[in-house]
C-alpha atoms as a PDB file:
ATOM      1  CA  MET A   1     120.246 121.263  67.304  1.00  0.00           C
ATOM      2  CA  ALA A   2     118.819 121.808  70.777  1.00  0.00           C
ATOM      3  CA  SER A   3     120.115 119.481  73.457  1.00  0.00           C
ATOM      4  CA  ILE A   4     117.689 117.007  74.973  1.00  0.00           C
ATOM      5  CA  SER A   5     117.311 117.173  78.740  1.00  0.00           C
ATOM      6  CA  GLN A   6     118.382 114.016  80.520  1.00  0.00           C
ATOM      7  CA  LYS A   7     116.925 115.092  83.834  1.00  0.00           C
ATOM      8  CA  PRO A   8     113.911 113.136  85.153  1.00  0.00           C
ATOM      9  CA  LYS A   9     110.667 114.984  84.467  1.00  0.00           C
ATOM     10  CA  VAL A  10     108.342 115.867  87.326  1.00  0.00           C
ATOM     11  CA  LEU A  11     104.784 117.130  86.958  1.00  0.00           C
ATOM     12  CA  ALA A  12     103.583 119.274  89.876  1.00  0.00           C
ATOM     13  CA  ILE A  13      99.870 119.555  90.548  1.00  0.00           C
ATOM     14  CA  SER A  14      99.956 123.333  91.226  1.00  0.00           C
ATOM     15  CA  TYR A  15     103.042 125.504  91.650  1.00  0.00           C
ATOM     16  CA  PRO A  16     105.135 124.846  94.791  1.00  0.00           C
ATOM     17  CA  GLU A  17     104.429 128.161  96.484  1.00  0.00           C
ATOM     18  CA  TYR A  18     106.082 128.980  99.819  1.00  0.00           C
ATOM     19  CA  THR A  19     108.942 126.631  98.949  1.00  0.00           C
ATOM     20  CA  ASP A  20     112.382 127.892  99.916  1.00  0.00           C
ATOM     21  CA  LYS A  21     114.116 129.314  96.832  1.00  0.00           C
ATOM     22  CA  VAL A  22     117.396 127.570  97.613  1.00  0.00           C
ATOM     23  CA  TYR A  23     115.585 124.230  97.841  1.00  0.00           C
ATOM     24  CA  LEU A  24     113.598 124.878  94.657  1.00  0.00           C
ATOM     25  CA  ASP A  25     116.737 125.905  92.745  1.00  0.00           C
ATOM     26  CA  ASP A  26     118.463 122.727  93.885  1.00  0.00           C
ATOM     27  CA  PHE A  27     115.417 120.660  92.905  1.00  0.00           C
ATOM     28  CA  THR A  28     115.202 122.131  89.409  1.00  0.00           C
ATOM     29  CA  SER A  29     118.929 121.570  88.904  1.00  0.00           C
ATOM     30  CA  LYS A  30     118.259 117.839  89.239  1.00  0.00           C
ATOM     31  CA  PHE A  31     114.750 117.512  87.809  1.00  0.00           C
ATOM     32  CA  GLU A  32     112.858 119.079  84.930  1.00  0.00           C
ATOM     33  CA  LEU A  33     109.819 120.597  86.637  1.00  0.00           C
ATOM     34  CA  HIS A  34     106.512 121.132  84.843  1.00  0.00           C
ATOM     35  CA  VAL A  35     103.536 122.709  86.601  1.00  0.00           C
ATOM     36  CA  LEU A  36      99.873 122.021  85.953  1.00  0.00           C
ATOM     37  CA  LYS A  37      97.978 125.258  85.310  1.00  0.00           C
ATOM     38  CA  SER A  38      94.465 123.919  85.834  1.00  0.00           C
ATOM     39  CA  THR A  39      92.895 124.557  89.218  1.00  0.00           C
ATOM     40  CA  ASP A  40      90.339 121.736  89.240  1.00  0.00           C
ATOM     41  CA  ARG A  41      89.817 118.178  88.051  1.00  0.00           C
ATOM     42  CA  ALA A  42      87.745 119.114  85.005  1.00  0.00           C
ATOM     43  CA  GLY A  43      90.616 121.153  83.611  1.00  0.00           C
ATOM     44  CA  ALA A  44      93.374 118.862  84.862  1.00  0.00           C
ATOM     45  CA  ILE A  45      92.213 115.727  83.006  1.00  0.00           C
ATOM     46  CA  PRO A  46      92.680 117.127  79.468  1.00  0.00           C
ATOM     47  CA  GLU A  47      95.732 119.203  80.452  1.00  0.00           C
ATOM     48  CA  ILE A  48      97.611 116.197  81.858  1.00  0.00           C
ATOM     49  CA  ALA A  49      96.872 114.267  78.670  1.00  0.00           C
ATOM     50  CA  GLN A  50      98.139 117.202  76.595  1.00  0.00           C
ATOM     51  CA  LEU A  51     101.301 117.583  78.706  1.00  0.00           C
ATOM     52  CA  ALA A  52     102.003 113.852  78.482  1.00  0.00           C
ATOM     53  CA  SER A  53     101.844 114.108  74.706  1.00  0.00           C
ATOM     54  CA  SER A  54     103.796 117.337  74.251  1.00  0.00           C
ATOM     55  CA  CYS A  55     106.256 117.380  77.169  1.00  0.00           C
ATOM     56  CA  GLY A  56     106.413 113.797  78.422  1.00  0.00           C
ATOM     57  CA  PRO A  57     107.208 111.191  79.344  1.00  0.00           C
ATOM     58  CA  PHE A  58     107.019 112.077  83.046  1.00  0.00           C
ATOM     59  CA  ASP A  59     108.834 110.065  85.696  1.00  0.00           C
ATOM     60  CA  ALA A  60     107.043 111.488  88.734  1.00  0.00           C
ATOM     61  CA  VAL A  61     104.030 113.462  89.895  1.00  0.00           C
ATOM     62  CA  MET A  62     104.139 115.802  92.879  1.00  0.00           C
ATOM     63  CA  VAL A  63     100.793 116.454  94.583  1.00  0.00           C
ATOM     64  CA  ARG A  64     100.789 119.355  96.998  1.00  0.00           C
ATOM     65  CA  MET A  65      98.244 120.466  99.601  1.00  0.00           C
ATOM     66  CA  GLY A  66      94.825 121.566  98.419  1.00  0.00           C
ATOM     67  CA  ILE A  67      93.807 118.274  96.814  1.00  0.00           C
ATOM     68  CA  LEU A  68      90.016 118.630  97.047  1.00  0.00           C
ATOM     69  CA  PRO A  69      89.492 120.222  93.589  1.00  0.00           C
ATOM     70  CA  PHE A  70      91.427 117.366  91.925  1.00  0.00           C
ATOM     71  CA  LYS A  71      90.368 114.220  93.790  1.00  0.00           C
ATOM     72  CA  PRO A  72      90.136 111.325  93.245  1.00  0.00           C
ATOM     73  CA  PHE A  73      93.655 110.648  91.985  1.00  0.00           C
ATOM     74  CA  ASN A  74      93.120 107.636  89.768  1.00  0.00           C
ATOM     75  CA  ALA A  75      93.467 106.208  86.259  1.00  0.00           C
ATOM     76  CA  GLU A  76      91.186 108.839  84.739  1.00  0.00           C
ATOM     77  CA  LEU A  77      93.544 111.581  85.918  1.00  0.00           C
ATOM     78  CA  PHE A  78      96.965 109.940  85.624  1.00  0.00           C
ATOM     79  CA  GLY A  79      96.344 107.246  83.014  1.00  0.00           C
ATOM     80  CA  PRO A  80      97.918 109.290  80.178  1.00  0.00           C
ATOM     81  CA  LEU A  81     101.225 109.282  82.094  1.00  0.00           C
ATOM     82  CA  LEU A  82     101.577 105.507  81.801  1.00  0.00           C
ATOM     83  CA  PRO A  83     103.654 103.468  81.301  1.00  0.00           C
ATOM     84  CA  HIS A  84     106.582 105.748  82.170  1.00  0.00           C
ATOM     85  CA  LEU A  85     105.269 107.136  85.477  1.00  0.00           C
ATOM     86  CA  LYS A  86     107.248 105.626  88.372  1.00  0.00           C
ATOM     87  CA  ILE A  87     106.295 107.545  91.508  1.00  0.00           C
ATOM     88  CA  ILE A  88     103.560 109.797  92.908  1.00  0.00           C
ATOM     89  CA  ALA A  89     104.611 111.862  95.923  1.00  0.00           C
ATOM     90  CA  ALA A  90     101.811 113.499  97.895  1.00  0.00           C
ATOM     91  CA  ALA A  91     102.040 116.170 100.579  1.00  0.00           C
ATOM     92  CA  PRO A  92      98.880 115.136 102.504  1.00  0.00           C
ATOM     93  CA  ALA A  93      99.203 112.643 105.338  1.00  0.00           C
ATOM     94  CA  GLY A  94      96.312 110.460 104.185  1.00  0.00           C
ATOM     95  CA  TYR A  95      95.855 108.335 101.094  1.00  0.00           C
ATOM     96  CA  ASN A  96      92.078 107.864 100.870  1.00  0.00           C
ATOM     97  CA  ALA A  97      91.908 110.220  97.857  1.00  0.00           C
ATOM     98  CA  PHE A  98      94.465 108.129  95.950  1.00  0.00           C
ATOM     99  CA  ASP A  99      93.758 104.898  94.074  1.00  0.00           C
ATOM    100  CA  VAL A 100      96.674 102.977  95.559  1.00  0.00           C
ATOM    101  CA  ASP A 101      95.441  99.684  94.086  1.00  0.00           C
ATOM    102  CA  TRP A 102      95.616 101.138  90.574  1.00  0.00           C
ATOM    103  CA  MET A 103      99.104 102.489  91.266  1.00  0.00           C
ATOM    104  CA  THR A 104     100.232  99.106  92.576  1.00  0.00           C
ATOM    105  CA  ARG A 105      98.938  97.305  89.494  1.00  0.00           C
ATOM    106  CA  ASN A 106     100.926  99.705  87.330  1.00  0.00           C
ATOM    107  CA  ASN A 107     104.150  99.486  89.367  1.00  0.00           C
ATOM    108  CA  ILE A 108     103.893 103.088  90.587  1.00  0.00           C
ATOM    109  CA  TRP A 109     105.324 103.938  93.989  1.00  0.00           C
ATOM    110  CA  PHE A 110     103.048 106.083  96.159  1.00  0.00           C
ATOM    111  CA  CYS A 111     104.574 108.232  98.909  1.00  0.00           C
ATOM    112  CA  ASN A 112     102.656 110.328 101.418  1.00  0.00           C
ATOM    113  CA  THR A 113     104.061 112.549 104.160  1.00  0.00           C
ATOM    114  CA  ARG A 114     102.548 110.910 107.226  1.00  0.00           C
ATOM    115  CA  ASN A 115     103.970 113.266 109.833  1.00  0.00           C
ATOM    116  CA  ALA A 116     104.694 116.417 107.834  1.00  0.00           C
ATOM    117  CA  VAL A 117     101.769 118.421 109.214  1.00  0.00           C
ATOM    118  CA  CYS A 118     101.417 116.785 112.645  1.00  0.00           C
ATOM    119  CA  GLU A 119     103.281 119.505 114.526  1.00  0.00           C
ATOM    120  CA  ALA A 120     101.526 122.383 112.757  1.00  0.00           C
ATOM    121  CA  THR A 121      98.080 120.810 113.156  1.00  0.00           C
ATOM    122  CA  ALA A 122      98.676 120.122 116.845  1.00  0.00           C
ATOM    123  CA  ASP A 123      99.761 123.740 117.359  1.00  0.00           C
ATOM    124  CA  MET A 124      96.552 124.895 115.694  1.00  0.00           C
ATOM    125  CA  ALA A 125      94.520 122.564 117.912  1.00  0.00           C
ATOM    126  CA  VAL A 126      95.995 124.197 121.033  1.00  0.00           C
ATOM    127  CA  PHE A 127      95.366 127.645 119.578  1.00  0.00           C
ATOM    128  CA  LEU A 128      91.731 126.880 118.736  1.00  0.00           C
ATOM    129  CA  VAL A 129      91.010 125.397 122.169  1.00  0.00           C
ATOM    130  CA  LEU A 130      92.478 128.468 123.872  1.00  0.00           C
ATOM    131  CA  ALA A 131      90.704 130.813 121.450  1.00  0.00           C
ATOM    132  CA  VAL A 132      87.329 129.289 122.301  1.00  0.00           C
ATOM    133  CA  LEU A 133      87.902 129.163 126.052  1.00  0.00           C
ATOM    134  CA  LYS A 134      89.280 132.704 126.213  1.00  0.00           C
ATOM    135  CA  ASN A 135      86.924 134.239 123.642  1.00  0.00           C
ATOM    136  CA  ALA A 136      89.969 135.444 121.723  1.00  0.00           C
ATOM    137  CA  ALA A 137      87.951 136.547 118.688  1.00  0.00           C
ATOM    138  CA  VAL A 138      86.307 139.361 120.667  1.00  0.00           C
ATOM    139  CA  ALA A 139      89.616 140.624 122.045  1.00  0.00           C
ATOM    140  CA  GLU A 140      91.288 140.442 118.633  1.00  0.00           C
ATOM    141  CA  ARG A 141      88.431 142.255 116.909  1.00  0.00           C
ATOM    142  CA  SER A 142      88.396 144.970 119.573  1.00  0.00           C
ATOM    143  CA  ALA A 143      92.143 145.529 119.161  1.00  0.00           C
ATOM    144  CA  ARG A 144      91.781 145.847 115.385  1.00  0.00           C
ATOM    145  CA  GLU A 145      88.976 148.375 115.826  1.00  0.00           C
ATOM    146  CA  GLY A 146      91.007 150.430 118.309  1.00  0.00           C
ATOM    147  CA  ARG A 147      88.663 149.718 121.217  1.00  0.00           C
ATOM    148  CA  TRP A 148      91.168 148.127 123.602  1.00  0.00           C
ATOM    149  CA  ARG A 149      91.246 151.091 126.032  1.00  0.00           C
ATOM    150  CA  GLY A 150      88.572 150.754 128.656  1.00  0.00           C
ATOM    151  CA  LEU A 151      87.230 147.560 127.106  1.00  0.00           C
ATOM    152  CA  VAL A 152      85.614 145.243 129.628  1.00  0.00           C
ATOM    153  CA  LEU A 153      85.682 141.636 128.463  1.00  0.00           C
ATOM    154  CA  ALA A 154      83.315 139.076 129.910  1.00  0.00           C
ATOM    155  CA  PRO A 155      84.929 136.482 132.197  1.00  0.00           C
ATOM    156  CA  THR A 156      86.194 133.476 130.273  1.00  0.00           C
ATOM    157  CA  ILE A 157      86.770 129.811 131.081  1.00  0.00           C
ATOM    158  CA  ASP A 158      89.922 128.616 132.829  1.00  0.00           C
ATOM    159  CA  PRO A 159      91.165 125.396 131.177  1.00  0.00           C
ATOM    160  CA  ARG A 160      92.571 123.994 134.413  1.00  0.00           C
ATOM    161  CA  GLY A 161      90.666 120.971 135.596  1.00  0.00           C
ATOM    162  CA  LEU A 162      88.546 120.630 132.463  1.00  0.00           C
ATOM    163  CA  THR A 163      88.128 117.277 130.737  1.00  0.00           C
ATOM    164  CA  LEU A 164      89.599 117.153 127.236  1.00  0.00           C
ATOM    165  CA  GLY A 165      88.546 114.342 124.909  1.00  0.00           C
ATOM    166  CA  ILE A 166      90.690 113.578 121.871  1.00  0.00           C
ATOM    167  CA  VAL A 167      88.688 111.513 119.399  1.00  0.00           C
ATOM    168  CA  GLY A 168      91.263 109.567 117.405  1.00  0.00           C
ATOM    169  CA  MET A 169      94.751 108.913 118.714  1.00  0.00           C
ATOM    170  CA  GLY A 170      96.687 108.762 115.460  1.00  0.00           C
ATOM    171  CA  SER A 171      99.850 110.698 114.659  1.00  0.00           C
ATOM    172  CA  ILE A 172      98.191 114.107 114.987  1.00  0.00           C
ATOM    173  CA  GLY A 173      96.226 113.063 118.063  1.00  0.00           C
ATOM    174  CA  LYS A 174      99.395 111.938 119.834  1.00  0.00           C
ATOM    175  CA  VAL A 175     101.266 115.156 119.109  1.00  0.00           C
ATOM    176  CA  SER A 176      98.191 117.181 120.047  1.00  0.00           C
ATOM    177  CA  THR A 177      98.051 115.348 123.375  1.00  0.00           C
ATOM    178  CA  SER A 178     101.645 116.326 124.081  1.00  0.00           C
ATOM    179  CA  ARG A 179     100.966 119.932 123.075  1.00  0.00           C
ATOM    180  CA  GLN A 180      97.930 120.229 125.328  1.00  0.00           C
ATOM    181  CA  SER A 181      99.963 118.918 128.264  1.00  0.00           C
ATOM    182  CA  TRP A 182     102.445 121.782 127.873  1.00  0.00           C
ATOM    183  CA  PHE A 183      99.831 124.437 128.479  1.00  0.00           C
ATOM    184  CA  PHE A 184      96.998 122.959 130.459  1.00  0.00           C
ATOM    185  CA  GLU A 185      96.218 120.829 133.460  1.00  0.00           C
ATOM    186  CA  PHE A 186      93.564 118.947 131.548  1.00  0.00           C
ATOM    187  CA  ARG A 187      92.250 115.518 132.379  1.00  0.00           C
ATOM    188  CA  LEU A 188      92.754 113.652 129.111  1.00  0.00           C
ATOM    189  CA  VAL A 189      90.190 111.194 127.808  1.00  0.00           C
ATOM    190  CA  LYS A 190      91.149 109.020 124.821  1.00  0.00           C
ATOM    191  CA  ARG A 191      88.309 107.979 122.517  1.00  0.00           C
ATOM    192  CA  ASN A 192      90.157 104.916 121.262  1.00  0.00           C
ATOM    193  CA  GLN A 193      92.488 102.500 123.009  1.00  0.00           C
ATOM    194  CA  ALA A 194      95.663 103.277 121.089  1.00  0.00           C
ATOM    195  CA  VAL A 195      98.774 103.232 123.248  1.00  0.00           C
ATOM    196  CA  VAL A 196     100.389 106.637 123.622  1.00  0.00           C
ATOM    197  CA  ASP A 197     104.121 106.184 124.132  1.00  0.00           C
ATOM    198  CA  MET A 198     104.918 109.416 125.933  1.00  0.00           C
ATOM    199  CA  SER A 199     105.142 110.795 129.448  1.00  0.00           C
ATOM    200  CA  LEU A 200     102.204 113.111 130.117  1.00  0.00           C
ATOM    201  CA  ARG A 201     101.347 115.429 132.958  1.00  0.00           C
ATOM    202  CA  LEU A 202      97.736 114.367 132.555  1.00  0.00           C
ATOM    203  CA  THR A 203      95.329 111.894 134.058  1.00  0.00           C
ATOM    204  CA  GLU A 204      94.543 109.436 131.253  1.00  0.00           C
ATOM    205  CA  ASN A 205      91.294 107.499 131.072  1.00  0.00           C
ATOM    206  CA  TYR A 206      89.430 105.556 128.436  1.00  0.00           C
ATOM    207  CA  LEU A 207      85.867 106.791 128.009  1.00  0.00           C
ATOM    208  CA  PRO A 208      83.550 105.167 125.422  1.00  0.00           C
ATOM    209  CA  THR A 209      81.152 108.122 125.298  1.00  0.00           C
ATOM    210  CA  ARG A 210      81.445 111.900 125.074  1.00  0.00           C
ATOM    211  CA  GLU A 211      78.780 112.704 127.656  1.00  0.00           C
ATOM    212  CA  LYS A 212      81.265 113.737 130.359  1.00  0.00           C
ATOM    213  CA  LEU A 213      83.588 115.710 128.103  1.00  0.00           C
ATOM    214  CA  GLU A 214      83.833 119.493 128.375  1.00  0.00           C
ATOM    215  CA  ILE A 215      86.130 119.900 125.355  1.00  0.00           C
ATOM    216  CA  VAL A 216      86.347 117.577 122.353  1.00  0.00           C
ATOM    217  CA  ALA A 217      89.121 117.590 119.739  1.00  0.00           C
ATOM    218  CA  LEU A 218      88.413 115.519 116.632  1.00  0.00           C
ATOM    219  CA  GLY A 219      91.501 113.837 115.213  1.00  0.00           C
ATOM    220  CA  GLN A 220      90.034 111.367 112.733  1.00  0.00           C
ATOM    221  CA  LYS A 221      90.105 111.195 108.930  1.00  0.00           C
ATOM    222  CA  GLY A 222      88.348 114.094 107.297  1.00  0.00           C
ATOM    223  CA  THR A 223      88.079 116.145 110.488  1.00  0.00           C
ATOM    224  CA  GLY A 224      91.525 117.459 111.390  1.00  0.00           C
ATOM    225  CA  VAL A 225      92.022 118.113 115.098  1.00  0.00           C
END
């Protein structure tokens, strides 16, 4: 007779790619991992119901990045996992795609990773600002095409002295502010009045409009930075 696994069962919404093998091996030694094969909500709804019936009950759901094809995460999607489901852990920082009220009513813990992508997103914000100011796309394309010898690039914009507006001073906005201060001598303008608890080499002002801004970084829900 086959032995019955006593490990808690976890259902992953998509395979955990790019996860360190040592970490994944350790994880699967403690939990029984099942992976959803569907790539969108239409396929996920019947597949989750089928998995709950054939492989359940599941103790936890792991939601990775790339949530748009599956949202919203609510009773229609996860209802078949009740009443055993105890926790839903999500990689995104936000929770607007998750029906937290429904989870609360059903005694399900919801965990999001508020600061997991702050550093990476802030780095990308710096890169994109520099790429635009320095017309990096033209230089990169020329290098790929083997036209770097004798290439004359048009003069680009020096970031020093420009006014940078960060719209939204949440977790990503704060880290982005710190990142920008490493590279530039920007004058920082905050779109909201959140207190930034850090020492900056910038002149900080509160500006209710964007009319005087030369560069704008959007750091609000649904925009990224």
